[in-house]
Amino acid sequence: MKKILIVAALMATTVMPVTTVSAADMATPATPKLSPACFFLPLLPDCIAAWKAEHDSMMSKMAAPAKTAMAAPKLMTMPTCTKAAAGAGHLYDCKM
């Protein structure tokens, strides 16, 4: 029973997209589809070239968004505080 579940989980990972990159890859395939034999015999000469092409296309898609410049996060400004007047009921008057 455990072997069946393991095989089903492995097959599900190849069918369902896990990340947005793989989802985009399934929507617009840039490389030729891999033959089913490549999943079981990945070291065949034709399969090695196909896997390398698949890897290169995925790495180029993942590296492209990383080059965009991100804005620095806006930090909260520190309040300026002065001592409150006598009898005000609090110690300091703070303004942002």
PDB file of N, CA and C in Angstrom:
ATOM      1  N   MET A   1       0.819  -1.191   0.000  1.00  0.00           N
ATOM      2  CA  MET A   1       0.000   0.000   0.000  1.00  0.00           C
ATOM      3  C   MET A   1       0.866   1.260   0.000  1.00  0.00           C
ATOM      4  N   LYS A   2       1.980   1.230   0.759  1.00  0.00           N
ATOM      5  CA  LYS A   2       2.854   2.394   0.816  1.00  0.00           C
ATOM      6  C   LYS A   2       3.492   2.665  -0.536  1.00  0.00           C
ATOM      7  N   LYS A   3       3.847   1.603  -1.251  1.00  0.00           N
ATOM      8  CA  LYS A   3       4.477   1.775  -2.558  1.00  0.00           C
ATOM      9  C   LYS A   3       3.505   2.416  -3.538  1.00  0.00           C
ATOM     10  N   ILE A   4       2.244   2.040  -3.470  1.00  0.00           N
ATOM     11  CA  ILE A   4       1.238   2.626  -4.362  1.00  0.00           C
ATOM     12  C   ILE A   4       1.084   4.113  -4.072  1.00  0.00           C
ATOM     13  N   LEU A   5       1.068   4.484  -2.806  1.00  0.00           N
ATOM     14  CA  LEU A   5       0.941   5.893  -2.456  1.00  0.00           C
ATOM     15  C   LEU A   5       2.159   6.693  -2.881  1.00  0.00           C
ATOM     16  N   ILE A   6       3.344   6.125  -2.759  1.00  0.00           N
ATOM     17  CA  ILE A   6       4.562   6.812  -3.173  1.00  0.00           C
ATOM     18  C   ILE A   6       4.564   7.031  -4.684  1.00  0.00           C
ATOM     19  N   VAL A   7       4.192   6.020  -5.435  1.00  0.00           N
ATOM     20  CA  VAL A   7       4.143   6.142  -6.892  1.00  0.00           C
ATOM     21  C   VAL A   7       3.088   7.157  -7.297  1.00  0.00           C
ATOM     22  N   ALA A   8       1.935   7.160  -6.641  1.00  0.00           N
ATOM     23  CA  ALA A   8       0.887   8.127  -6.963  1.00  0.00           C
ATOM     24  C   ALA A   8       1.341   9.551  -6.659  1.00  0.00           C
ATOM     25  N   ALA A   9       2.062   9.738  -5.566  1.00  0.00           N
ATOM     26  CA  ALA A   9       2.560  11.070  -5.231  1.00  0.00           C
ATOM     27  C   ALA A   9       3.600  11.540  -6.237  1.00  0.00           C
ATOM     28  N   LEU A  10       4.478  10.645  -6.665  1.00  0.00           N
ATOM     29  CA  LEU A  10       5.480  11.023  -7.662  1.00  0.00           C
ATOM     30  C   LEU A  10       4.835  11.355  -9.004  1.00  0.00           C
ATOM     31  N   MET A  11       3.822  10.612  -9.379  1.00  0.00           N
ATOM     32  CA  MET A  11       3.140  10.898 -10.638  1.00  0.00           C
ATOM     33  C   MET A  11       2.378  12.225 -10.549  1.00  0.00           C
ATOM     34  N   ALA A  12       1.818  12.524  -9.387  1.00  0.00           N
ATOM     35  CA  ALA A  12       1.089  13.782  -9.222  1.00  0.00           C
ATOM     36  C   ALA A  12       2.008  14.986  -9.321  1.00  0.00           C
ATOM     37  N   THR A  13       3.240  14.857  -8.852  1.00  0.00           N
ATOM     38  CA  THR A  13       4.165  15.980  -8.939  1.00  0.00           C
ATOM     39  C   THR A  13       4.585  16.257 -10.370  1.00  0.00           C
ATOM     40  N   THR A  14       4.567  15.262 -11.234  1.00  0.00           N
ATOM     41  CA  THR A  14       4.927  15.520 -12.623  1.00  0.00           C
ATOM     42  C   THR A  14       3.753  16.057 -13.414  1.00  0.00           C
ATOM     43  N   VAL A  15       2.536  15.847 -12.938  1.00  0.00           N
ATOM     44  CA  VAL A  15       1.346  16.276 -13.671  1.00  0.00           C
ATOM     45  C   VAL A  15       0.907  17.668 -13.234  1.00  0.00           C
ATOM     46  N   MET A  16       0.871  17.930 -11.930  1.00  0.00           N
ATOM     47  CA  MET A  16       0.366  19.201 -11.423  1.00  0.00           C
ATOM     48  C   MET A  16       1.499  20.204 -11.272  1.00  0.00           C
ATOM     49  N   PRO A  17       1.287  21.462 -11.687  1.00  0.00           N
ATOM     50  CA  PRO A  17       2.325  22.470 -11.512  1.00  0.00           C
ATOM     51  C   PRO A  17       2.495  22.820 -10.040  1.00  0.00           C
ATOM     52  N   VAL A  18       3.746  22.999  -9.635  1.00  0.00           N
ATOM     53  CA  VAL A  18       4.037  23.297  -8.235  1.00  0.00           C
ATOM     54  C   VAL A  18       4.261  24.787  -8.044  1.00  0.00           C
ATOM     55  N   THR A  19       4.955  25.435  -8.977  1.00  0.00           N
ATOM     56  CA  THR A  19       5.254  26.854  -8.850  1.00  0.00           C
ATOM     57  C   THR A  19       4.657  27.610 -10.022  1.00  0.00           C
ATOM     58  N   THR A  20       4.732  28.920  -9.960  1.00  0.00           N
ATOM     59  CA  THR A  20       4.224  29.731 -11.058  1.00  0.00           C
ATOM     60  C   THR A  20       5.068  29.538 -12.306  1.00  0.00           C
ATOM     61  N   VAL A  21       6.352  29.234 -12.119  1.00  0.00           N
ATOM     62  CA  VAL A  21       7.221  29.010 -13.272  1.00  0.00           C
ATOM     63  C   VAL A  21       6.774  27.766 -14.020  1.00  0.00           C
ATOM     64  N   SER A  22       6.512  26.696 -13.296  1.00  0.00           N
ATOM     65  CA  SER A  22       6.081  25.484 -13.979  1.00  0.00           C
ATOM     66  C   SER A  22       4.675  25.637 -14.530  1.00  0.00           C
ATOM     67  N   ALA A  23       3.820  26.454 -13.878  1.00  0.00           N
ATOM     68  CA  ALA A  23       2.490  26.703 -14.407  1.00  0.00           C
ATOM     69  C   ALA A  23       2.577  27.495 -15.706  1.00  0.00           C
ATOM     70  N   ALA A  24       3.470  28.475 -15.753  1.00  0.00           N
ATOM     71  CA  ALA A  24       3.654  29.239 -16.984  1.00  0.00           C
ATOM     72  C   ALA A  24       4.271  28.364 -18.064  1.00  0.00           C
ATOM     73  N   ASP A  25       5.135  27.463 -17.663  1.00  0.00           N
ATOM     74  CA  ASP A  25       5.775  26.562 -18.618  1.00  0.00           C
ATOM     75  C   ASP A  25       4.742  25.638 -19.251  1.00  0.00           C
ATOM     76  N   MET A  26       3.749  25.199 -18.479  1.00  0.00           N
ATOM     77  CA  MET A  26       2.738  24.315 -19.028  1.00  0.00           C
ATOM     78  C   MET A  26       1.798  25.082 -19.958  1.00  0.00           C
ATOM     79  N   ALA A  27       1.591  26.380 -19.681  1.00  0.00           N
ATOM     80  CA  ALA A  27       0.699  27.178 -20.513  1.00  0.00           C
ATOM     81  C   ALA A  27       1.330  27.477 -21.872  1.00  0.00           C
ATOM     82  N   THR A  28       2.623  27.786 -21.876  1.00  0.00           N
ATOM     83  CA  THR A  28       3.325  28.110 -23.120  1.00  0.00           C
ATOM     84  C   THR A  28       4.606  27.298 -23.191  1.00  0.00           C
ATOM     85  N   PRO A  29       4.546  26.110 -23.737  1.00  0.00           N
ATOM     86  CA  PRO A  29       5.772  25.303 -23.793  1.00  0.00           C
ATOM     87  C   PRO A  29       6.781  25.883 -24.775  1.00  0.00           C
ATOM     88  N   ALA A  30       7.992  26.135 -24.287  1.00  0.00           N
ATOM     89  CA  ALA A  30       9.033  26.691 -25.140  1.00  0.00           C
ATOM     90  C   ALA A  30       9.915  25.596 -25.726  1.00  0.00           C
ATOM     91  N   THR A  31       9.971  24.466 -25.063  1.00  0.00           N
ATOM     92  CA  THR A  31      10.807  23.366 -25.523  1.00  0.00           C
ATOM     93  C   THR A  31       9.920  22.198 -25.932  1.00  0.00           C
ATOM     94  N   PRO A  32      10.440  21.311 -26.745  1.00  0.00           N
ATOM     95  CA  PRO A  32       9.630  20.156 -27.120  1.00  0.00           C
ATOM     96  C   PRO A  32       9.331  19.287 -25.904  1.00  0.00           C
ATOM     97  N   LYS A  33       8.191  18.632 -25.937  1.00  0.00           N
ATOM     98  CA  LYS A  33       7.789  17.777 -24.820  1.00  0.00           C
ATOM     99  C   LYS A  33       8.743  16.593 -24.701  1.00  0.00           C
ATOM    100  N   LEU A  34       8.935  16.159 -23.474  1.00  0.00           N
ATOM    101  CA  LEU A  34       9.774  14.999 -23.219  1.00  0.00           C
ATOM    102  C   LEU A  34       8.983  13.737 -23.507  1.00  0.00           C
ATOM    103  N   SER A  35       9.655  12.743 -24.022  1.00  0.00           N
ATOM    104  CA  SER A  35       8.979  11.475 -24.268  1.00  0.00           C
ATOM    105  C   SER A  35       8.783  10.753 -22.939  1.00  0.00           C
ATOM    106  N   PRO A  36       7.777   9.914 -22.828  1.00  0.00           N
ATOM    107  CA  PRO A  36       7.556   9.194 -21.565  1.00  0.00           C
ATOM    108  C   PRO A  36       8.728   8.303 -21.176  1.00  0.00           C
ATOM    109  N   ALA A  37       9.492   7.847 -22.139  1.00  0.00           N
ATOM    110  CA  ALA A  37      10.651   7.009 -21.818  1.00  0.00           C
ATOM    111  C   ALA A  37      11.700   7.788 -21.032  1.00  0.00           C
ATOM    112  N   CYS A  38      11.760   9.110 -21.207  1.00  0.00           N
ATOM    113  CA  CYS A  38      12.756   9.923 -20.505  1.00  0.00           C
ATOM    114  C   CYS A  38      12.483   9.986 -19.009  1.00  0.00           C
ATOM    115  N   PHE A  39      11.243   9.780 -18.605  1.00  0.00           N
ATOM    116  CA  PHE A  39      10.935   9.779 -17.179  1.00  0.00           C
ATOM    117  C   PHE A  39      11.445   8.515 -16.500  1.00  0.00           C
ATOM    118  N   PHE A  40      11.495   7.420 -17.242  1.00  0.00           N
ATOM    119  CA  PHE A  40      11.925   6.153 -16.665  1.00  0.00           C
ATOM    120  C   PHE A  40      13.382   5.828 -16.967  1.00  0.00           C
ATOM    121  N   LEU A  41      13.881   6.322 -18.104  1.00  0.00           N
ATOM    122  CA  LEU A  41      15.276   6.093 -18.498  1.00  0.00           C
ATOM    123  C   LEU A  41      15.918   7.447 -18.823  1.00  0.00           C
ATOM    124  N   PRO A  42      16.204   8.264 -17.812  1.00  0.00           N
ATOM    125  CA  PRO A  42      16.672   9.625 -18.077  1.00  0.00           C
ATOM    126  C   PRO A  42      18.092   9.713 -18.628  1.00  0.00           C
ATOM    127  N   LEU A  43      18.857   8.624 -18.607  1.00  0.00           N
ATOM    128  CA  LEU A  43      20.237   8.695 -19.065  1.00  0.00           C
ATOM    129  C   LEU A  43      20.421   8.283 -20.524  1.00  0.00           C
ATOM    130  N   LEU A  44      19.338   8.091 -21.246  1.00  0.00           N
ATOM    131  CA  LEU A  44      19.464   7.846 -22.683  1.00  0.00           C
ATOM    132  C   LEU A  44      20.017   9.102 -23.342  1.00  0.00           C
ATOM    133  N   PRO A  45      20.805   8.965 -24.405  1.00  0.00           N
ATOM    134  CA  PRO A  45      21.433  10.148 -25.014  1.00  0.00           C
ATOM    135  C   PRO A  45      20.433  11.211 -25.464  1.00  0.00           C
ATOM    136  N   ASP A  46      19.301  10.801 -26.044  1.00  0.00           N
ATOM    137  CA  ASP A  46      18.310  11.780 -26.471  1.00  0.00           C
ATOM    138  C   ASP A  46      17.667  12.466 -25.264  1.00  0.00           C
ATOM    139  N   CYS A  47      17.487  11.707 -24.208  1.00  0.00           N
ATOM    140  CA  CYS A  47      16.834  12.253 -23.019  1.00  0.00           C
ATOM    141  C   CYS A  47      17.720  13.248 -22.290  1.00  0.00           C
ATOM    142  N   ILE A  48      19.024  13.019 -22.293  1.00  0.00           N
ATOM    143  CA  ILE A  48      19.935  13.947 -21.618  1.00  0.00           C
ATOM    144  C   ILE A  48      19.848  15.318 -22.268  1.00  0.00           C
ATOM    145  N   ALA A  49      19.835  15.362 -23.590  1.00  0.00           N
ATOM    146  CA  ALA A  49      19.724  16.641 -24.292  1.00  0.00           C
ATOM    147  C   ALA A  49      18.375  17.300 -24.023  1.00  0.00           C
ATOM    148  N   ALA A  50      17.301  16.514 -23.967  1.00  0.00           N
ATOM    149  CA  ALA A  50      15.968  17.060 -23.708  1.00  0.00           C
ATOM    150  C   ALA A  50      15.877  17.610 -22.285  1.00  0.00           C
ATOM    151  N   TRP A  51      16.436  16.877 -21.308  1.00  0.00           N
ATOM    152  CA  TRP A  51      16.409  17.347 -19.925  1.00  0.00           C
ATOM    153  C   TRP A  51      17.231  18.621 -19.774  1.00  0.00           C
ATOM    154  N   LYS A  52      18.360  18.702 -20.473  1.00  0.00           N
ATOM    155  CA  LYS A  52      19.194  19.895 -20.391  1.00  0.00           C
ATOM    156  C   LYS A  52      18.465  21.094 -20.984  1.00  0.00           C
ATOM    157  N   ALA A  53      17.779  20.907 -22.092  1.00  0.00           N
ATOM    158  CA  ALA A  53      17.012  21.998 -22.692  1.00  0.00           C
ATOM    159  C   ALA A  53      15.882  22.439 -21.763  1.00  0.00           C
ATOM    160  N   GLU A  54      15.227  21.478 -21.137  1.00  0.00           N
ATOM    161  CA  GLU A  54      14.151  21.789 -20.187  1.00  0.00           C
ATOM    162  C   GLU A  54      14.707  22.565 -18.996  1.00  0.00           C
ATOM    163  N   HIS A  55      15.851  22.139 -18.494  1.00  0.00           N
ATOM    164  CA  HIS A  55      16.482  22.808 -17.357  1.00  0.00           C
ATOM    165  C   HIS A  55      16.876  24.236 -17.720  1.00  0.00           C
ATOM    166  N   ASP A  56      17.483  24.426 -18.881  1.00  0.00           N
ATOM    167  CA  ASP A  56      17.927  25.754 -19.295  1.00  0.00           C
ATOM    168  C   ASP A  56      16.748  26.704 -19.460  1.00  0.00           C
ATOM    169  N   SER A  57      15.642  26.217 -20.044  1.00  0.00           N
ATOM    170  CA  SER A  57      14.486  27.095 -20.227  1.00  0.00           C
ATOM    171  C   SER A  57      13.865  27.462 -18.884  1.00  0.00           C
ATOM    172  N   MET A  58      13.825  26.526 -17.938  1.00  0.00           N
ATOM    173  CA  MET A  58      13.245  26.826 -16.633  1.00  0.00           C
ATOM    174  C   MET A  58      14.133  27.786 -15.853  1.00  0.00           C
ATOM    175  N   MET A  59      15.445  27.616 -15.925  1.00  0.00           N
ATOM    176  CA  MET A  59      16.350  28.513 -15.217  1.00  0.00           C
ATOM    177  C   MET A  59      16.279  29.925 -15.783  1.00  0.00           C
ATOM    178  N   SER A  60      16.117  30.065 -17.093  1.00  0.00           N
ATOM    179  CA  SER A  60      16.009  31.407 -17.670  1.00  0.00           C
ATOM    180  C   SER A  60      14.720  32.081 -17.234  1.00  0.00           C
ATOM    181  N   LYS A  61      13.639  31.312 -17.066  1.00  0.00           N
ATOM    182  CA  LYS A  61      12.382  31.894 -16.593  1.00  0.00           C
ATOM    183  C   LYS A  61      12.472  32.275 -15.129  1.00  0.00           C
ATOM    184  N   MET A  62      13.184  31.505 -14.327  1.00  0.00           N
ATOM    185  CA  MET A  62      13.294  31.805 -12.910  1.00  0.00           C
ATOM    186  C   MET A  62      14.249  32.962 -12.662  1.00  0.00           C
ATOM    187  N   ALA A  63      15.263  33.124 -13.492  1.00  0.00           N
ATOM    188  CA  ALA A  63      16.249  34.179 -13.288  1.00  0.00           C
ATOM    189  C   ALA A  63      15.732  35.532 -13.753  1.00  0.00           C
ATOM    190  N   ALA A  64      14.800  35.575 -14.683  1.00  0.00           N
ATOM    191  CA  ALA A  64      14.309  36.842 -15.216  1.00  0.00           C
ATOM    192  C   ALA A  64      13.630  37.701 -14.146  1.00  0.00           C
ATOM    193  N   PRO A  65      12.720  37.196 -13.326  1.00  0.00           N
ATOM    194  CA  PRO A  65      12.108  38.070 -12.321  1.00  0.00           C
ATOM    195  C   PRO A  65      13.079  38.514 -11.231  1.00  0.00           C
ATOM    196  N   ALA A  66      14.150  37.793 -11.000  1.00  0.00           N
ATOM    197  CA  ALA A  66      15.094  38.151  -9.956  1.00  0.00           C
ATOM    198  C   ALA A  66      15.885  39.404 -10.309  1.00  0.00           C
ATOM    199  N   LYS A  67      15.947  39.786 -11.576  1.00  0.00           N
ATOM    200  CA  LYS A  67      16.723  40.938 -11.989  1.00  0.00           C
ATOM    201  C   LYS A  67      15.985  42.257 -11.777  1.00  0.00           C
ATOM    202  N   THR A  68      14.699  42.221 -11.502  1.00  0.00           N
ATOM    203  CA  THR A  68      13.948  43.454 -11.309  1.00  0.00           C
ATOM    204  C   THR A  68      14.342  44.087  -9.985  1.00  0.00           C
ATOM    205  N   ALA A  69      14.432  45.404  -9.989  1.00  0.00           N
ATOM    206  CA  ALA A  69      14.831  46.126  -8.784  1.00  0.00           C
ATOM    207  C   ALA A  69      13.640  46.257  -7.845  1.00  0.00           C
ATOM    208  N   MET A  70      13.872  45.944  -6.599  1.00  0.00           N
ATOM    209  CA  MET A  70      12.812  46.063  -5.609  1.00  0.00           C
ATOM    210  C   MET A  70      13.005  47.363  -4.839  1.00  0.00           C
ATOM    211  N   ALA A  71      11.894  48.011  -4.512  1.00  0.00           N
ATOM    212  CA  ALA A  71      11.962  49.244  -3.740  1.00  0.00           C
ATOM    213  C   ALA A  71      12.297  48.919  -2.293  1.00  0.00           C
ATOM    214  N   ALA A  72      13.058  49.793  -1.671  1.00  0.00           N
ATOM    215  CA  ALA A  72      13.407  49.590  -0.270  1.00  0.00           C
ATOM    216  C   ALA A  72      12.155  49.761   0.581  1.00  0.00           C
ATOM    217  N   PRO A  73      11.997  48.947   1.594  1.00  0.00           N
ATOM    218  CA  PRO A  73      10.810  49.076   2.425  1.00  0.00           C
ATOM    219  C   PRO A  73      10.823  50.394   3.194  1.00  0.00           C
ATOM    220  N   LYS A  74       9.646  51.000   3.348  1.00  0.00           N
ATOM    221  CA  LYS A  74       9.534  52.264   4.056  1.00  0.00           C
ATOM    222  C   LYS A  74       9.523  51.973   5.551  1.00  0.00           C
ATOM    223  N   LEU A  75      10.451  52.565   6.252  1.00  0.00           N
ATOM    224  CA  LEU A  75      10.552  52.352   7.683  1.00  0.00           C
ATOM    225  C   LEU A  75       9.663  53.349   8.427  1.00  0.00           C
ATOM    226  N   MET A  76       9.181  52.927   9.572  1.00  0.00           N
ATOM    227  CA  MET A  76       8.343  53.798  10.373  1.00  0.00           C
ATOM    228  C   MET A  76       9.203  54.912  10.966  1.00  0.00           C
ATOM    229  N   THR A  77       8.685  56.149  10.946  1.00  0.00           N
ATOM    230  CA  THR A  77       9.434  57.262  11.514  1.00  0.00           C
ATOM    231  C   THR A  77       9.287  57.248  13.029  1.00  0.00           C
ATOM    232  N   MET A  78      10.325  57.678  13.696  1.00  0.00           N
ATOM    233  CA  MET A  78      10.306  57.714  15.146  1.00  0.00           C
ATOM    234  C   MET A  78       9.557  58.957  15.617  1.00  0.00           C
ATOM    235  N   PRO A  79       8.767  58.827  16.648  1.00  0.00           N
ATOM    236  CA  PRO A  79       8.032  59.997  17.149  1.00  0.00           C
ATOM    237  C   PRO A  79       8.967  60.964  17.878  1.00  0.00           C
ATOM    238  N   THR A  80       8.578  62.233  17.854  1.00  0.00           N
ATOM    239  CA  THR A  80       9.318  63.235  18.626  1.00  0.00           C
ATOM    240  C   THR A  80       8.486  63.551  19.863  1.00  0.00           C
ATOM    241  N   CYS A  81       9.096  63.439  21.005  1.00  0.00           N
ATOM    242  CA  CYS A  81       8.368  63.606  22.262  1.00  0.00           C
ATOM    243  C   CYS A  81       8.938  64.776  23.063  1.00  0.00           C
ATOM    244  N   THR A  82       8.033  65.494  23.681  1.00  0.00           N
ATOM    245  CA  THR A  82       8.417  66.561  24.606  1.00  0.00           C
ATOM    246  C   THR A  82       7.713  66.306  25.936  1.00  0.00           C
ATOM    247  N   LYS A  83       8.267  66.844  26.961  1.00  0.00           N
ATOM    248  CA  LYS A  83       7.690  66.644  28.289  1.00  0.00           C
ATOM    249  C   LYS A  83       6.350  67.380  28.366  1.00  0.00           C
ATOM    250  N   ALA A  84       5.347  66.716  28.908  1.00  0.00           N
ATOM    251  CA  ALA A  84       4.010  67.296  29.009  1.00  0.00           C
ATOM    252  C   ALA A  84       3.976  68.354  30.109  1.00  0.00           C
ATOM    253  N   ALA A  85       3.005  69.231  29.992  1.00  0.00           N
ATOM    254  CA  ALA A  85       2.832  70.285  31.007  1.00  0.00           C
ATOM    255  C   ALA A  85       2.418  69.660  32.331  1.00  0.00           C
ATOM    256  N   ALA A  86       2.681  70.359  33.396  1.00  0.00           N
ATOM    257  CA  ALA A  86       2.332  69.857  34.726  1.00  0.00           C
ATOM    258  C   ALA A  86       0.809  69.774  34.844  1.00  0.00           C
ATOM    259  N   GLY A  87       0.317  68.668  35.374  1.00  0.00           N
ATOM    260  CA  GLY A  87      -1.113  68.467  35.574  1.00  0.00           C
ATOM    261  C   GLY A  87      -1.847  67.996  34.329  1.00  0.00           C
ATOM    262  N   ALA A  88      -1.118  67.589  33.260  1.00  0.00           N
ATOM    263  CA  ALA A  88      -1.754  67.139  32.015  1.00  0.00           C
ATOM    264  C   ALA A  88      -2.299  65.721  32.150  1.00  0.00           C
ATOM    265  N   GLY A  89      -1.825  64.972  33.103  1.00  0.00           N
ATOM    266  CA  GLY A  89      -2.298  63.603  33.279  1.00  0.00           C
ATOM    267  C   GLY A  89      -1.453  62.575  32.536  1.00  0.00           C
ATOM    268  N   HIS A  90      -0.435  63.005  31.808  1.00  0.00           N
ATOM    269  CA  HIS A  90       0.486  62.083  31.144  1.00  0.00           C
ATOM    270  C   HIS A  90       1.880  62.707  31.164  1.00  0.00           C
ATOM    271  N   LEU A  91       2.873  61.894  30.893  1.00  0.00           N
ATOM    272  CA  LEU A  91       4.255  62.360  31.039  1.00  0.00           C
ATOM    273  C   LEU A  91       4.787  63.082  29.804  1.00  0.00           C
ATOM    274  N   TYR A  92       4.476  62.571  28.590  1.00  0.00           N
ATOM    275  CA  TYR A  92       5.056  63.128  27.368  1.00  0.00           C
ATOM    276  C   TYR A  92       3.974  63.394  26.310  1.00  0.00           C
ATOM    277  N   ASP A  93       4.205  64.413  25.466  1.00  0.00           N
ATOM    278  CA  ASP A  93       3.389  64.691  24.285  1.00  0.00           C
ATOM    279  C   ASP A  93       4.227  64.254  23.082  1.00  0.00           C
ATOM    280  N   CYS A  94       3.747  63.252  22.339  1.00  0.00           N
ATOM    281  CA  CYS A  94       4.513  62.720  21.207  1.00  0.00           C
ATOM    282  C   CYS A  94       3.783  63.003  19.910  1.00  0.00           C
ATOM    283  N   LYS A  95       4.541  63.356  18.863  1.00  0.00           N
ATOM    284  CA  LYS A  95       4.003  63.594  17.519  1.00  0.00           C
ATOM    285  C   LYS A  95       4.820  62.778  16.535  1.00  0.00           C
ATOM    286  N   MET A  96       4.163  62.276  15.509  1.00  0.00           N
ATOM    287  CA  MET A  96       4.844  61.502  14.473  1.00  0.00           C
ATOM    288  C   MET A  96       5.465  62.406  13.455  1.00  0.00           C
TER     289      MET A  96
END
